[in-house]
Amino acid sequence: MGNRHIRNKLIKEGHYVNRKRTVRIMRDMGIGAIYPKLRTIIANKINKVHPCLSYRSHIPEPSLGY
C-alpha cells in the first residue's frame, strides 16, 4: 500500500495526519509501496549467448581478426 492509501485509512479511523508525516513514518519503519518493478535487465531466453572464438586462437595482426 502506498502512503496515500495508508493516510486515507488512518483518517477513516480518526487519526488526522498529513501525507508528509505518513511518508516519514513509513520510511522510518521500512514500509514501502508494492508495485511491479522494472525488469529491463532480464535476458530473453530465446537469444543464445555465443562464445568469443578469438580468445582460443592466436591472431598475429589486427586486420586478420576481423
C-alpha atoms as a PDB file:
ATOM      1  CA  MET A   1       0.000   0.000   0.000  1.00  0.00           C
ATOM      2  CA  GLY A   2       1.209   3.475  -0.745  1.00  0.00           C
ATOM      3  CA  ASN A   3       1.361   6.446   1.575  1.00  0.00           C
ATOM      4  CA  ARG A   4      -1.892   7.962   0.316  1.00  0.00           C
ATOM      5  CA  HIS A   5      -3.754   4.707   0.887  1.00  0.00           C
ATOM      6  CA  ILE A   6      -2.412   4.386   4.428  1.00  0.00           C
ATOM      7  CA  ARG A   7      -3.166   8.061   5.137  1.00  0.00           C
ATOM      8  CA  ASN A   8      -6.779   7.614   3.975  1.00  0.00           C
ATOM      9  CA  LYS A   9      -7.199   4.552   6.210  1.00  0.00           C
ATOM     10  CA  LEU A  10      -5.793   6.472   9.184  1.00  0.00           C
ATOM     11  CA  ILE A  11      -8.170   9.387   8.531  1.00  0.00           C
ATOM     12  CA  LYS A  12     -11.129   6.974   8.412  1.00  0.00           C
ATOM     13  CA  GLU A  13     -10.029   5.576  11.789  1.00  0.00           C
ATOM     14  CA  GLY A  14      -9.882   9.087  13.271  1.00  0.00           C
ATOM     15  CA  HIS A  15      -6.130   9.794  13.144  1.00  0.00           C
ATOM     16  CA  TYR A  16      -5.682  13.013  11.185  1.00  0.00           C
ATOM     17  CA  VAL A  17      -2.174  13.008   9.689  1.00  0.00           C
ATOM     18  CA  ASN A  18      -0.847  14.590   6.530  1.00  0.00           C
ATOM     19  CA  ARG A  19       0.934  12.794   3.686  1.00  0.00           C
ATOM     20  CA  LYS A  20       4.421  14.022   4.608  1.00  0.00           C
ATOM     21  CA  ARG A  21       4.148  12.588   8.092  1.00  0.00           C
ATOM     22  CA  THR A  22       2.881   9.300   6.690  1.00  0.00           C
ATOM     23  CA  VAL A  23       5.857   9.152   4.303  1.00  0.00           C
ATOM     24  CA  ARG A  24       8.324   9.850   7.128  1.00  0.00           C
ATOM     25  CA  ILE A  25       6.833   7.195   9.405  1.00  0.00           C
ATOM     26  CA  MET A  26       6.757   4.633   6.580  1.00  0.00           C
ATOM     27  CA  ARG A  27      10.421   5.374   5.802  1.00  0.00           C
ATOM     28  CA  ASP A  28      11.405   5.011   9.479  1.00  0.00           C
ATOM     29  CA  MET A  29       9.551   1.692   9.768  1.00  0.00           C
ATOM     30  CA  GLY A  30      10.914   0.352   6.477  1.00  0.00           C
ATOM     31  CA  ILE A  31       7.495   0.085   4.853  1.00  0.00           C
ATOM     32  CA  GLY A  32       7.258   0.656   1.100  1.00  0.00           C
ATOM     33  CA  ALA A  33       4.671   0.540  -1.620  1.00  0.00           C
ATOM     34  CA  ILE A  34       4.185  -2.713  -3.525  1.00  0.00           C
ATOM     35  CA  TYR A  35       4.188  -2.270  -7.287  1.00  0.00           C
ATOM     36  CA  PRO A  36       5.682  -4.042 -10.310  1.00  0.00           C
ATOM     37  CA  LYS A  37       9.375  -3.233 -10.615  1.00  0.00           C
ATOM     38  CA  LEU A  38      11.133  -2.579 -13.911  1.00  0.00           C
ATOM     39  CA  ARG A  39      12.628  -5.728 -15.375  1.00  0.00           C
ATOM     40  CA  THR A  40      14.710  -4.346 -18.208  1.00  0.00           C
ATOM     41  CA  ILE A  41      17.895  -6.326 -17.495  1.00  0.00           C
ATOM     42  CA  ILE A  42      16.436  -9.839 -17.734  1.00  0.00           C
ATOM     43  CA  ALA A  43      17.596 -11.502 -20.950  1.00  0.00           C
ATOM     44  CA  ASN A  44      15.294 -13.164 -23.416  1.00  0.00           C
ATOM     45  CA  LYS A  45      15.512 -16.976 -23.175  1.00  0.00           C
ATOM     46  CA  ILE A  46      15.318 -17.352 -26.966  1.00  0.00           C
ATOM     47  CA  ASN A  47      18.544 -15.428 -27.578  1.00  0.00           C
ATOM     48  CA  LYS A  48      21.643 -17.568 -27.163  1.00  0.00           C
ATOM     49  CA  VAL A  49      24.974 -16.356 -25.828  1.00  0.00           C
ATOM     50  CA  HIS A  50      27.733 -17.206 -28.292  1.00  0.00           C
ATOM     51  CA  PRO A  51      31.305 -17.651 -27.034  1.00  0.00           C
ATOM     52  CA  CYS A  52      34.076 -15.385 -28.280  1.00  0.00           C
ATOM     53  CA  LEU A  53      36.245 -17.583 -30.507  1.00  0.00           C
ATOM     54  CA  SER A  54      39.116 -15.104 -30.785  1.00  0.00           C
ATOM     55  CA  TYR A  55      40.372 -15.987 -27.285  1.00  0.00           C
ATOM     56  CA  ARG A  56      41.291 -19.507 -28.383  1.00  0.00           C
ATOM     57  CA  SER A  57      43.273 -18.664 -31.500  1.00  0.00           C
ATOM     58  CA  HIS A  58      46.422 -16.626 -31.973  1.00  0.00           C
ATOM     59  CA  ILE A  59      45.892 -13.567 -34.216  1.00  0.00           C
ATOM     60  CA  PRO A  60      49.232 -12.134 -35.429  1.00  0.00           C
ATOM     61  CA  GLU A  61      47.797  -8.907 -36.926  1.00  0.00           C
ATOM     62  CA  PRO A  62      44.699  -6.864 -36.018  1.00  0.00           C
ATOM     63  CA  SER A  63      43.369  -6.979 -39.581  1.00  0.00           C
ATOM     64  CA  LEU A  64      43.299 -10.774 -39.529  1.00  0.00           C
ATOM     65  CA  GLY A  65      40.946 -10.885 -36.561  1.00  0.00           C
ATOM     66  CA  TYR A  66      38.046  -9.321 -38.420  1.00  0.00           C
END
